[in-house]
Amino acid sequence: MKYRTLGKTGFNISEVSLGTWQLGGKWGAPFSAKDAEDTLAEAYSQGVNFFDTADGYQDGQSEQAVGKFVNAHPDVHFTTKIGRKEMPLSAAHFNPAHLQRYVDESLKNMGVDALDMVLLHCPPIMTYYDPEMFFALDELKKSGKIKNYGVSVERVEEAIKAMDYNISAVEIIFNMFRLRPSRLFFDLAKQNNVGILARVPLASGLLTGKFTADTNFGPEDHRTTNRNGELFDKGETFSGVDYLTGVKAAQVLKEKLGTDDLAGKALRYILMYDAVSAVIPGASTPAQIARNTRASALPALTAEEMGIVQDVYDATIKNPVDYLW
């Protein structure tokens, strides 16, 4: 495992880390504390020392599991996202009073005295023009309840606007099917010493290359229920790519890149960008964790391979994805 610095935090984190949306189960499946513990332990054994969670994951159970683990492993860092656990989501969930309560609840859930990093969890775009929200985070930092803060965003423009404030990191969707963040934003983040956490790196599994037109997902799985943005931003599911288009594009990538391990290539592709602090794929099994962490040791993509990714994107994905996020 290789390690990179996470922006202004100074944390030295594994370049392949772990997202915990599905920790302890799969989307819609019951939460298992034992599975969660085993998942975190397996990731740690592979060199992962950074976990990404949120107060809304499994009604706080993900935070509790991550908190228990980091308390037993002081060399592990984490971020938790706040502001999205109460629906319907609105700008009101990101006012100073709500943020104070969410931070206090996360501190209790995780059993820690201070949160390594708090990310606002995809707030509505108008909240980026409310400086009082960010000033409230500054006060929480001064109080010692949080060590750093940043944002998890849907759109590149939100990430750029967030750098008006004292953020340490941005979490953004970036993968072979979502290339726009690498233009302009990555350079600005480097100039401002803002870390980048690449989320949804496998486009909800499309970039494993294992899905077909006939693949079925569970009835509660967001890949079933949110394909058209019925529950939250459409870009969260398959990176906003039409499912059948994504299946075909993944097969083209496998063929042109000459690989049966498209997931590994996809993760290594993200790590080709030095602005990225870490990629944070999720995992439900030890095998998936091993597959993901191996990406850190894979050889760099060649200029030809980087060009193939761009060509497939331009030909099949760019319109309309590039114009929406």
C-alpha atoms as a PDB file:
ATOM      1  CA  MET A   1       0.000   0.000   0.000  1.00  0.00           C
ATOM      2  CA  LYS A   2       1.157   3.501  -0.819  1.00  0.00           C
ATOM      3  CA  TYR A   3       0.181   6.600   1.156  1.00  0.00           C
ATOM      4  CA  ARG A   4      -0.600  10.218   0.304  1.00  0.00           C
ATOM      5  CA  THR A   5      -1.203  13.401   2.305  1.00  0.00           C
ATOM      6  CA  LEU A   6      -4.830  14.453   2.720  1.00  0.00           C
ATOM      7  CA  GLY A   7      -4.670  18.166   2.009  1.00  0.00           C
ATOM      8  CA  LYS A   8      -4.379  20.549   4.955  1.00  0.00           C
ATOM      9  CA  THR A   9      -5.073  17.763   7.456  1.00  0.00           C
ATOM     10  CA  GLY A  10      -1.514  16.484   7.196  1.00  0.00           C
ATOM     11  CA  PHE A  11      -2.903  12.952   7.595  1.00  0.00           C
ATOM     12  CA  ASN A  12      -0.858  10.345   5.746  1.00  0.00           C
ATOM     13  CA  ILE A  13      -3.575   8.061   4.400  1.00  0.00           C
ATOM     14  CA  SER A  14      -3.703   4.932   2.264  1.00  0.00           C
ATOM     15  CA  GLU A  15      -4.226   5.868  -1.366  1.00  0.00           C
ATOM     16  CA  VAL A  16      -6.824   3.095  -1.516  1.00  0.00           C
ATOM     17  CA  SER A  17      -9.065   3.594   1.489  1.00  0.00           C
ATOM     18  CA  LEU A  18     -12.547   2.320   2.364  1.00  0.00           C
ATOM     19  CA  GLY A  19     -15.992   3.816   1.899  1.00  0.00           C
ATOM     20  CA  THR A  20     -18.543   2.355   4.294  1.00  0.00           C
ATOM     21  CA  TRP A  21     -21.932   3.020   2.702  1.00  0.00           C
ATOM     22  CA  GLN A  22     -22.592  -0.716   2.604  1.00  0.00           C
ATOM     23  CA  LEU A  23     -20.643  -1.563   5.760  1.00  0.00           C
ATOM     24  CA  GLY A  24     -22.016  -4.631   7.522  1.00  0.00           C
ATOM     25  CA  GLY A  25     -24.314  -5.577   4.680  1.00  0.00           C
ATOM     26  CA  LYS A  26     -25.347  -4.614   1.189  1.00  0.00           C
ATOM     27  CA  TRP A  27     -27.782  -1.887   0.219  1.00  0.00           C
ATOM     28  CA  GLY A  28     -31.148  -2.826   1.703  1.00  0.00           C
ATOM     29  CA  ALA A  29     -29.743  -5.790   3.658  1.00  0.00           C
ATOM     30  CA  PRO A  30     -29.797  -5.982   7.476  1.00  0.00           C
ATOM     31  CA  PHE A  31     -26.788  -4.510   9.267  1.00  0.00           C
ATOM     32  CA  SER A  32     -24.373  -7.016  10.802  1.00  0.00           C
ATOM     33  CA  ALA A  33     -21.952  -5.686  13.422  1.00  0.00           C
ATOM     34  CA  LYS A  34     -19.783  -8.783  12.988  1.00  0.00           C
ATOM     35  CA  ASP A  35     -19.551  -8.327   9.221  1.00  0.00           C
ATOM     36  CA  ALA A  36     -18.715  -4.664   9.742  1.00  0.00           C
ATOM     37  CA  GLU A  37     -15.946  -5.511  12.189  1.00  0.00           C
ATOM     38  CA  ASP A  38     -14.538  -8.163   9.848  1.00  0.00           C
ATOM     39  CA  THR A  39     -14.641  -5.774   6.873  1.00  0.00           C
ATOM     40  CA  LEU A  40     -12.754  -3.041   8.718  1.00  0.00           C
ATOM     41  CA  ALA A  41     -10.212  -5.511  10.082  1.00  0.00           C
ATOM     42  CA  GLU A  42      -9.552  -6.993   6.650  1.00  0.00           C
ATOM     43  CA  ALA A  43      -9.065  -3.542   5.143  1.00  0.00           C
ATOM     44  CA  TYR A  44      -6.662  -2.608   7.937  1.00  0.00           C
ATOM     45  CA  SER A  45      -4.695  -5.806   7.377  1.00  0.00           C
ATOM     46  CA  GLN A  46      -4.262  -4.733   3.740  1.00  0.00           C
ATOM     47  CA  GLY A  47      -2.770  -1.394   4.784  1.00  0.00           C
ATOM     48  CA  VAL A  48      -5.937   0.735   4.757  1.00  0.00           C
ATOM     49  CA  ASN A  49      -5.760   3.405   7.457  1.00  0.00           C
ATOM     50  CA  PHE A  50      -8.592   5.714   6.400  1.00  0.00           C
ATOM     51  CA  PHE A  51     -12.342   5.109   6.543  1.00  0.00           C
ATOM     52  CA  ASP A  52     -15.144   7.250   5.144  1.00  0.00           C
ATOM     53  CA  THR A  53     -18.533   7.034   6.845  1.00  0.00           C
ATOM     54  CA  ALA A  54     -21.651   9.187   7.345  1.00  0.00           C
ATOM     55  CA  ASP A  55     -24.214   9.782  10.048  1.00  0.00           C
ATOM     56  CA  GLY A  56     -26.952   8.527   7.729  1.00  0.00           C
ATOM     57  CA  TYR A  57     -25.339   5.183   6.867  1.00  0.00           C
ATOM     58  CA  GLN A  58     -27.394   2.408   8.472  1.00  0.00           C
ATOM     59  CA  ASP A  59     -28.977   4.946  10.868  1.00  0.00           C
ATOM     60  CA  GLY A  60     -25.652   5.648  12.543  1.00  0.00           C
ATOM     61  CA  GLN A  61     -24.547   2.036  12.841  1.00  0.00           C
ATOM     62  CA  SER A  62     -21.730   2.571  10.341  1.00  0.00           C
ATOM     63  CA  GLU A  63     -20.384   5.427  12.459  1.00  0.00           C
ATOM     64  CA  GLN A  64     -20.578   3.252  15.545  1.00  0.00           C
ATOM     65  CA  ALA A  65     -18.646   0.439  13.871  1.00  0.00           C
ATOM     66  CA  VAL A  66     -15.976   2.768  12.506  1.00  0.00           C
ATOM     67  CA  GLY A  67     -15.723   4.552  15.853  1.00  0.00           C
ATOM     68  CA  LYS A  68     -15.196   1.305  17.719  1.00  0.00           C
ATOM     69  CA  PHE A  69     -12.454   0.326  15.285  1.00  0.00           C
ATOM     70  CA  VAL A  70     -10.576   3.644  15.315  1.00  0.00           C
ATOM     71  CA  ASN A  71     -10.653   3.728  19.104  1.00  0.00           C
ATOM     72  CA  ALA A  72      -8.831   0.393  19.068  1.00  0.00           C
ATOM     73  CA  HIS A  73      -6.451   1.527  16.309  1.00  0.00           C
ATOM     74  CA  PRO A  74      -5.166   5.066  16.972  1.00  0.00           C
ATOM     75  CA  ASP A  75      -3.178   5.078  13.725  1.00  0.00           C
ATOM     76  CA  VAL A  76      -6.419   5.056  11.712  1.00  0.00           C
ATOM     77  CA  HIS A  77      -8.034   8.286  10.447  1.00  0.00           C
ATOM     78  CA  PHE A  78     -11.610   8.836   9.344  1.00  0.00           C
ATOM     79  CA  THR A  79     -14.101  11.270   7.966  1.00  0.00           C
ATOM     80  CA  THR A  80     -17.811  11.345   8.604  1.00  0.00           C
ATOM     81  CA  LYS A  81     -20.395  13.173   6.542  1.00  0.00           C
ATOM     82  CA  ILE A  82     -23.278  15.090   8.104  1.00  0.00           C
ATOM     83  CA  GLY A  83     -26.487  16.771   7.030  1.00  0.00           C
ATOM     84  CA  ARG A  84     -28.257  14.154   4.971  1.00  0.00           C
ATOM     85  CA  LYS A  85     -29.810  11.780   7.487  1.00  0.00           C
ATOM     86  CA  GLU A  86     -33.083  13.674   7.821  1.00  0.00           C
ATOM     87  CA  MET A  87     -35.323  13.684   4.787  1.00  0.00           C
ATOM     88  CA  PRO A  88     -36.564  15.356   2.718  1.00  0.00           C
ATOM     89  CA  LEU A  89     -33.188  17.015   2.307  1.00  0.00           C
ATOM     90  CA  SER A  90     -33.263  20.801   2.335  1.00  0.00           C
ATOM     91  CA  ALA A  91     -30.935  23.741   2.898  1.00  0.00           C
ATOM     92  CA  ALA A  92     -32.349  24.026   6.424  1.00  0.00           C
ATOM     93  CA  HIS A  93     -30.458  20.868   7.408  1.00  0.00           C
ATOM     94  CA  PHE A  94     -27.203  22.769   6.977  1.00  0.00           C
ATOM     95  CA  ASN A  95     -27.832  25.738   9.274  1.00  0.00           C
ATOM     96  CA  PRO A  96     -25.517  26.283  12.282  1.00  0.00           C
ATOM     97  CA  ALA A  97     -27.922  24.787  14.839  1.00  0.00           C
ATOM     98  CA  HIS A  98     -28.368  21.601  12.828  1.00  0.00           C
ATOM     99  CA  LEU A  99     -24.629  21.279  12.217  1.00  0.00           C
ATOM    100  CA  GLN A 100     -23.916  21.592  15.929  1.00  0.00           C
ATOM    101  CA  ARG A 101     -26.423  18.841  16.700  1.00  0.00           C
ATOM    102  CA  TYR A 102     -25.158  16.557  13.948  1.00  0.00           C
ATOM    103  CA  VAL A 103     -21.571  16.910  15.148  1.00  0.00           C
ATOM    104  CA  ASP A 104     -22.591  16.141  18.736  1.00  0.00           C
ATOM    105  CA  GLU A 105     -24.532  13.075  17.583  1.00  0.00           C
ATOM    106  CA  SER A 106     -21.587  11.837  15.504  1.00  0.00           C
ATOM    107  CA  LEU A 107     -19.224  12.325  18.448  1.00  0.00           C
ATOM    108  CA  LYS A 108     -21.550  10.207  20.566  1.00  0.00           C
ATOM    109  CA  ASN A 109     -21.979   7.561  17.867  1.00  0.00           C
ATOM    110  CA  MET A 110     -18.249   7.214  17.342  1.00  0.00           C
ATOM    111  CA  GLY A 111     -17.244   7.494  20.974  1.00  0.00           C
ATOM    112  CA  VAL A 112     -14.490  10.042  20.291  1.00  0.00           C
ATOM    113  CA  ASP A 113     -13.623  13.457  21.703  1.00  0.00           C
ATOM    114  CA  ALA A 114     -13.040  15.015  18.278  1.00  0.00           C
ATOM    115  CA  LEU A 115     -13.905  14.119  14.714  1.00  0.00           C
ATOM    116  CA  ASP A 116     -10.878  13.843  12.403  1.00  0.00           C
ATOM    117  CA  MET A 117     -12.846  15.343   9.530  1.00  0.00           C
ATOM    118  CA  VAL A 118     -16.435  16.371   8.959  1.00  0.00           C
ATOM    119  CA  LEU A 119     -17.766  16.675   5.413  1.00  0.00           C
ATOM    120  CA  LEU A 120     -21.029  18.390   4.616  1.00  0.00           C
ATOM    121  CA  HIS A 121     -22.957  15.627   2.882  1.00  0.00           C
ATOM    122  CA  CYS A 122     -23.900  16.928  -0.576  1.00  0.00           C
ATOM    123  CA  PRO A 123     -25.662  20.105   0.545  1.00  0.00           C
ATOM    124  CA  PRO A 124     -27.963  21.906  -1.912  1.00  0.00           C
ATOM    125  CA  ILE A 125     -26.043  24.326  -4.097  1.00  0.00           C
ATOM    126  CA  MET A 126     -27.487  27.455  -2.457  1.00  0.00           C
ATOM    127  CA  THR A 127     -25.791  26.534   0.831  1.00  0.00           C
ATOM    128  CA  TYR A 128     -22.377  27.225  -0.701  1.00  0.00           C
ATOM    129  CA  TYR A 129     -23.450  30.864  -0.782  1.00  0.00           C
ATOM    130  CA  ASP A 130     -24.270  30.873   2.951  1.00  0.00           C
ATOM    131  CA  PRO A 131     -20.993  31.748   4.693  1.00  0.00           C
ATOM    132  CA  GLU A 132     -22.611  31.372   8.128  1.00  0.00           C
ATOM    133  CA  MET A 133     -22.676  27.600   7.594  1.00  0.00           C
ATOM    134  CA  PHE A 134     -18.933  27.505   7.032  1.00  0.00           C
ATOM    135  CA  PHE A 135     -18.276  29.995   9.839  1.00  0.00           C
ATOM    136  CA  ALA A 136     -20.165  27.624  12.142  1.00  0.00           C
ATOM    137  CA  LEU A 137     -17.757  24.857  11.128  1.00  0.00           C
ATOM    138  CA  ASP A 138     -14.859  27.184  11.908  1.00  0.00           C
ATOM    139  CA  GLU A 139     -16.287  27.633  15.410  1.00  0.00           C
ATOM    140  CA  LEU A 140     -16.693  23.869  15.855  1.00  0.00           C
ATOM    141  CA  LYS A 141     -13.057  23.505  14.851  1.00  0.00           C
ATOM    142  CA  LYS A 142     -11.994  26.159  17.370  1.00  0.00           C
ATOM    143  CA  SER A 143     -13.984  24.363  20.077  1.00  0.00           C
ATOM    144  CA  GLY A 144     -12.033  21.158  19.415  1.00  0.00           C
ATOM    145  CA  LYS A 145     -15.048  19.083  18.385  1.00  0.00           C
ATOM    146  CA  ILE A 146     -13.767  18.715  14.827  1.00  0.00           C
ATOM    147  CA  LYS A 147     -10.189  18.776  13.558  1.00  0.00           C
ATOM    148  CA  ASN A 148     -10.925  19.495   9.903  1.00  0.00           C
ATOM    149  CA  TYR A 149     -13.879  20.034   7.623  1.00  0.00           C
ATOM    150  CA  GLY A 150     -14.760  19.885   3.960  1.00  0.00           C
ATOM    151  CA  VAL A 151     -17.564  18.979   1.590  1.00  0.00           C
ATOM    152  CA  SER A 152     -18.860  16.006  -0.325  1.00  0.00           C
ATOM    153  CA  VAL A 153     -20.202  17.367  -3.586  1.00  0.00           C
ATOM    154  CA  GLU A 154     -22.277  16.413  -6.599  1.00  0.00           C
ATOM    155  CA  ARG A 155     -20.896  18.966  -9.052  1.00  0.00           C
ATOM    156  CA  VAL A 156     -17.510  20.391  -9.986  1.00  0.00           C
ATOM    157  CA  GLU A 157     -18.817  23.935  -9.558  1.00  0.00           C
ATOM    158  CA  GLU A 158     -19.724  23.176  -5.938  1.00  0.00           C
ATOM    159  CA  ALA A 159     -16.215  21.902  -5.257  1.00  0.00           C
ATOM    160  CA  ILE A 160     -14.698  25.067  -6.721  1.00  0.00           C
ATOM    161  CA  LYS A 161     -17.049  27.343  -4.756  1.00  0.00           C
ATOM    162  CA  ALA A 162     -16.301  25.471  -1.510  1.00  0.00           C
ATOM    163  CA  MET A 163     -12.661  26.518  -1.781  1.00  0.00           C
ATOM    164  CA  ASP A 164     -13.751  30.049  -0.853  1.00  0.00           C
ATOM    165  CA  TYR A 165     -13.867  28.688   2.700  1.00  0.00           C
ATOM    166  CA  ASN A 166     -11.384  27.020   5.062  1.00  0.00           C
ATOM    167  CA  ILE A 167     -11.924  23.483   3.779  1.00  0.00           C
ATOM    168  CA  SER A 168      -9.332  20.722   4.048  1.00  0.00           C
ATOM    169  CA  ALA A 169     -10.799  18.265   1.554  1.00  0.00           C
ATOM    170  CA  VAL A 170     -13.416  17.647  -1.107  1.00  0.00           C
ATOM    171  CA  GLU A 171     -15.076  14.321  -1.770  1.00  0.00           C
ATOM    172  CA  ILE A 172     -16.212  14.091  -5.379  1.00  0.00           C
ATOM    173  CA  ILE A 173     -17.309  11.440  -7.859  1.00  0.00           C
ATOM    174  CA  PHE A 174     -14.392  10.718 -10.161  1.00  0.00           C
ATOM    175  CA  ASN A 175     -13.875   7.623 -12.287  1.00  0.00           C
ATOM    176  CA  MET A 176     -13.477   6.439 -15.895  1.00  0.00           C
ATOM    177  CA  PHE A 177     -17.105   7.456 -16.485  1.00  0.00           C
ATOM    178  CA  ARG A 178     -16.834  10.851 -14.756  1.00  0.00           C
ATOM    179  CA  LEU A 179     -13.774  12.674 -16.046  1.00  0.00           C
ATOM    180  CA  ARG A 180     -14.762  16.333 -15.757  1.00  0.00           C
ATOM    181  CA  PRO A 181     -13.326  16.880 -12.227  1.00  0.00           C
ATOM    182  CA  SER A 182      -9.806  16.307 -13.549  1.00  0.00           C
ATOM    183  CA  ARG A 183     -10.116  19.451 -15.635  1.00  0.00           C
ATOM    184  CA  LEU A 184      -9.536  22.723 -13.756  1.00  0.00           C
ATOM    185  CA  PHE A 185     -10.724  21.541 -10.317  1.00  0.00           C
ATOM    186  CA  PHE A 186      -7.797  19.205  -9.662  1.00  0.00           C
ATOM    187  CA  ASP A 187      -5.262  21.949 -10.364  1.00  0.00           C
ATOM    188  CA  LEU A 188      -7.159  24.400  -8.153  1.00  0.00           C
ATOM    189  CA  ALA A 189      -7.293  21.865  -5.334  1.00  0.00           C
ATOM    190  CA  LYS A 190      -3.531  21.383  -5.511  1.00  0.00           C
ATOM    191  CA  GLN A 191      -2.966  25.137  -5.483  1.00  0.00           C
ATOM    192  CA  ASN A 192      -5.134  25.457  -2.357  1.00  0.00           C
ATOM    193  CA  ASN A 193      -3.738  22.335  -0.629  1.00  0.00           C
ATOM    194  CA  VAL A 194      -7.196  20.775  -0.606  1.00  0.00           C
ATOM    195  CA  GLY A 195      -7.267  16.990  -0.492  1.00  0.00           C
ATOM    196  CA  ILE A 196      -9.441  15.028  -2.908  1.00  0.00           C
ATOM    197  CA  LEU A 197     -11.304  11.851  -1.988  1.00  0.00           C
ATOM    198  CA  ALA A 198     -12.548  10.080  -5.116  1.00  0.00           C
ATOM    199  CA  ARG A 199     -15.907   8.505  -4.393  1.00  0.00           C
ATOM    200  CA  VAL A 200     -18.043   6.120  -6.478  1.00  0.00           C
ATOM    201  CA  PRO A 201     -14.798   5.049  -8.194  1.00  0.00           C
ATOM    202  CA  LEU A 202     -16.337   1.995  -9.849  1.00  0.00           C
ATOM    203  CA  ALA A 203     -19.551   3.723 -10.959  1.00  0.00           C
ATOM    204  CA  SER A 204     -21.710   1.619  -8.620  1.00  0.00           C
ATOM    205  CA  GLY A 205     -20.066  -1.542  -9.964  1.00  0.00           C
ATOM    206  CA  LEU A 206     -20.329  -0.811 -13.689  1.00  0.00           C
ATOM    207  CA  LEU A 207     -16.544  -0.494 -13.884  1.00  0.00           C
ATOM    208  CA  THR A 208     -16.011  -4.000 -12.579  1.00  0.00           C
ATOM    209  CA  GLY A 209     -17.081  -5.066 -16.069  1.00  0.00           C
ATOM    210  CA  LYS A 210     -19.130  -7.883 -14.526  1.00  0.00           C
ATOM    211  CA  PHE A 211     -22.623  -6.533 -15.091  1.00  0.00           C
ATOM    212  CA  THR A 212     -24.788  -7.495 -18.045  1.00  0.00           C
ATOM    213  CA  ALA A 213     -28.088  -6.305 -19.434  1.00  0.00           C
ATOM    214  CA  ASP A 214     -29.757  -9.037 -17.368  1.00  0.00           C
ATOM    215  CA  THR A 215     -28.094  -8.301 -14.015  1.00  0.00           C
ATOM    216  CA  ASN A 216     -30.666  -7.872 -11.238  1.00  0.00           C
ATOM    217  CA  PHE A 217     -30.201  -5.854  -8.069  1.00  0.00           C
ATOM    218  CA  GLY A 218     -32.146  -6.111  -4.814  1.00  0.00           C
ATOM    219  CA  PRO A 219     -35.461  -4.272  -4.466  1.00  0.00           C
ATOM    220  CA  GLU A 220     -33.973  -1.845  -1.900  1.00  0.00           C
ATOM    221  CA  ASP A 221     -30.680  -1.391  -3.741  1.00  0.00           C
ATOM    222  CA  HIS A 222     -30.230   2.176  -5.036  1.00  0.00           C
ATOM    223  CA  ARG A 223     -29.175   0.647  -8.354  1.00  0.00           C
ATOM    224  CA  THR A 224     -32.799  -0.451  -8.645  1.00  0.00           C
ATOM    225  CA  THR A 225     -34.584   2.436  -6.950  1.00  0.00           C
ATOM    226  CA  ASN A 226     -32.580   5.504  -8.018  1.00  0.00           C
ATOM    227  CA  ARG A 227     -31.703   5.022 -11.674  1.00  0.00           C
ATOM    228  CA  ASN A 228     -33.628   8.131 -12.614  1.00  0.00           C
ATOM    229  CA  GLY A 229     -32.930  10.113  -9.452  1.00  0.00           C
ATOM    230  CA  GLU A 230     -36.094   9.077  -7.652  1.00  0.00           C
ATOM    231  CA  LEU A 231     -34.457   9.165  -4.193  1.00  0.00           C
ATOM    232  CA  PHE A 232     -31.427  11.445  -4.508  1.00  0.00           C
ATOM    233  CA  ASP A 233     -29.141  12.879  -7.162  1.00  0.00           C
ATOM    234  CA  LYS A 234     -29.099  10.573 -10.186  1.00  0.00           C
ATOM    235  CA  GLY A 235     -25.357  11.024 -10.451  1.00  0.00           C
ATOM    236  CA  GLU A 236     -24.866   8.914  -7.315  1.00  0.00           C
ATOM    237  CA  THR A 237     -26.099   5.801  -9.140  1.00  0.00           C
ATOM    238  CA  PHE A 238     -23.894   4.447 -11.955  1.00  0.00           C
ATOM    239  CA  SER A 239     -22.300   7.938 -11.939  1.00  0.00           C
ATOM    240  CA  GLY A 240     -25.373   9.145 -13.827  1.00  0.00           C
ATOM    241  CA  VAL A 241     -24.605   6.901 -16.800  1.00  0.00           C
ATOM    242  CA  ASP A 242     -27.486   5.120 -18.522  1.00  0.00           C
ATOM    243  CA  TYR A 243     -27.179   1.531 -17.318  1.00  0.00           C
ATOM    244  CA  LEU A 244     -27.074  -0.270 -20.667  1.00  0.00           C
ATOM    245  CA  THR A 245     -24.723   2.351 -22.082  1.00  0.00           C
ATOM    246  CA  GLY A 246     -22.432   1.783 -19.104  1.00  0.00           C
ATOM    247  CA  VAL A 247     -22.485  -2.005 -19.503  1.00  0.00           C
ATOM    248  CA  LYS A 248     -21.464  -1.694 -23.148  1.00  0.00           C
ATOM    249  CA  ALA A 249     -18.787   0.918 -22.429  1.00  0.00           C
ATOM    250  CA  ALA A 250     -17.290  -1.262 -19.684  1.00  0.00           C
ATOM    251  CA  GLN A 251     -17.000  -4.161 -22.111  1.00  0.00           C
ATOM    252  CA  VAL A 252     -15.295  -1.923 -24.662  1.00  0.00           C
ATOM    253  CA  LEU A 253     -12.823  -0.786 -21.996  1.00  0.00           C
ATOM    254  CA  LYS A 254     -12.066  -4.389 -21.039  1.00  0.00           C
ATOM    255  CA  GLU A 255     -11.401  -5.299 -24.651  1.00  0.00           C
ATOM    256  CA  LYS A 256      -9.339  -2.251 -25.587  1.00  0.00           C
ATOM    257  CA  LEU A 257      -7.332  -2.312 -22.357  1.00  0.00           C
ATOM    258  CA  GLY A 258      -6.861  -6.066 -22.684  1.00  0.00           C
ATOM    259  CA  THR A 259      -7.817  -6.877 -19.104  1.00  0.00           C
ATOM    260  CA  ASP A 260     -10.198  -9.082 -17.148  1.00  0.00           C
ATOM    261  CA  ASP A 261      -9.518  -6.928 -14.070  1.00  0.00           C
ATOM    262  CA  LEU A 262     -11.295  -3.765 -15.130  1.00  0.00           C
ATOM    263  CA  ALA A 263     -11.935  -2.811 -11.481  1.00  0.00           C
ATOM    264  CA  GLY A 264      -8.217  -2.803 -10.746  1.00  0.00           C
ATOM    265  CA  LYS A 265      -7.502  -0.752 -13.867  1.00  0.00           C
ATOM    266  CA  ALA A 266     -10.298   1.665 -12.973  1.00  0.00           C
ATOM    267  CA  LEU A 267      -8.925   2.273  -9.481  1.00  0.00           C
ATOM    268  CA  ARG A 268      -5.359   2.584 -10.730  1.00  0.00           C
ATOM    269  CA  TYR A 269      -6.563   5.060 -13.353  1.00  0.00           C
ATOM    270  CA  ILE A 270      -7.807   7.376 -10.592  1.00  0.00           C
ATOM    271  CA  LEU A 271      -4.484   7.100  -8.781  1.00  0.00           C
ATOM    272  CA  MET A 272      -2.710   8.351 -11.896  1.00  0.00           C
ATOM    273  CA  TYR A 273      -3.792  11.845 -10.781  1.00  0.00           C
ATOM    274  CA  ASP A 274      -1.521  13.183  -8.044  1.00  0.00           C
ATOM    275  CA  ALA A 275      -4.199  15.646  -6.929  1.00  0.00           C
ATOM    276  CA  VAL A 276      -6.176  12.665  -5.597  1.00  0.00           C
ATOM    277  CA  SER A 277      -5.389  11.902  -1.960  1.00  0.00           C
ATOM    278  CA  ALA A 278      -7.289   8.610  -1.883  1.00  0.00           C
ATOM    279  CA  VAL A 279      -9.851   6.574  -3.733  1.00  0.00           C
ATOM    280  CA  ILE A 280     -12.589   5.231  -1.449  1.00  0.00           C
ATOM    281  CA  PRO A 281     -14.307   2.172  -2.946  1.00  0.00           C
ATOM    282  CA  GLY A 282     -16.809   0.298  -0.820  1.00  0.00           C
ATOM    283  CA  ALA A 283     -16.562  -3.408  -0.134  1.00  0.00           C
ATOM    284  CA  SER A 284     -18.819  -6.148   1.212  1.00  0.00           C
ATOM    285  CA  THR A 285     -16.398  -9.067   1.249  1.00  0.00           C
ATOM    286  CA  PRO A 286     -12.698  -9.707   1.997  1.00  0.00           C
ATOM    287  CA  ALA A 287     -12.228 -10.637  -1.664  1.00  0.00           C
ATOM    288  CA  GLN A 288     -13.466  -7.219  -2.762  1.00  0.00           C
ATOM    289  CA  ILE A 289     -11.137  -5.513  -0.297  1.00  0.00           C
ATOM    290  CA  ALA A 290      -8.170  -7.508  -1.590  1.00  0.00           C
ATOM    291  CA  ARG A 291      -9.135  -6.647  -5.175  1.00  0.00           C
ATOM    292  CA  ASN A 292      -9.398  -2.953  -4.361  1.00  0.00           C
ATOM    293  CA  THR A 293      -6.214  -2.612  -2.340  1.00  0.00           C
ATOM    294  CA  ARG A 294      -4.162  -4.422  -4.992  1.00  0.00           C
ATOM    295  CA  ALA A 295      -4.723  -1.416  -7.225  1.00  0.00           C
ATOM    296  CA  SER A 296      -2.093   0.466  -5.238  1.00  0.00           C
ATOM    297  CA  ALA A 297       0.577  -1.952  -6.477  1.00  0.00           C
ATOM    298  CA  LEU A 298      -0.543  -2.142 -10.117  1.00  0.00           C
ATOM    299  CA  PRO A 299       1.707  -0.599 -12.768  1.00  0.00           C
ATOM    300  CA  ALA A 300       0.884   2.875 -13.996  1.00  0.00           C
ATOM    301  CA  LEU A 301      -1.355   3.110 -17.038  1.00  0.00           C
ATOM    302  CA  THR A 302       0.495   3.907 -20.230  1.00  0.00           C
ATOM    303  CA  ALA A 303      -0.200   7.017 -22.275  1.00  0.00           C
ATOM    304  CA  GLU A 304      -1.987   4.763 -24.766  1.00  0.00           C
ATOM    305  CA  GLU A 305      -4.221   3.316 -22.049  1.00  0.00           C
ATOM    306  CA  MET A 306      -5.032   6.777 -20.685  1.00  0.00           C
ATOM    307  CA  GLY A 307      -5.991   7.764 -24.235  1.00  0.00           C
ATOM    308  CA  ILE A 308      -8.266   4.734 -24.576  1.00  0.00           C
ATOM    309  CA  VAL A 309     -10.183   5.767 -21.463  1.00  0.00           C
ATOM    310  CA  GLN A 310     -10.605   9.283 -22.803  1.00  0.00           C
ATOM    311  CA  ASP A 311     -11.713   8.036 -26.220  1.00  0.00           C
ATOM    312  CA  VAL A 312     -14.359   5.683 -24.793  1.00  0.00           C
ATOM    313  CA  TYR A 313     -15.602   8.465 -22.537  1.00  0.00           C
ATOM    314  CA  ASP A 314     -15.815  10.966 -25.381  1.00  0.00           C
ATOM    315  CA  ALA A 315     -17.587   8.507 -27.677  1.00  0.00           C
ATOM    316  CA  THR A 316     -20.154   7.020 -25.290  1.00  0.00           C
ATOM    317  CA  ILE A 317     -20.330   8.778 -21.900  1.00  0.00           C
ATOM    318  CA  LYS A 318     -19.527  12.477 -22.222  1.00  0.00           C
ATOM    319  CA  ASN A 319     -22.948  13.453 -23.526  1.00  0.00           C
ATOM    320  CA  PRO A 320     -24.824  14.085 -21.259  1.00  0.00           C
ATOM    321  CA  VAL A 321     -22.753  13.200 -18.151  1.00  0.00           C
ATOM    322  CA  ASP A 322     -20.047  15.819 -18.689  1.00  0.00           C
ATOM    323  CA  TYR A 323     -22.632  18.590 -18.934  1.00  0.00           C
ATOM    324  CA  LEU A 324     -24.640  17.648 -15.830  1.00  0.00           C
ATOM    325  CA  TRP A 325     -22.018  17.180 -13.130  1.00  0.00           C
END
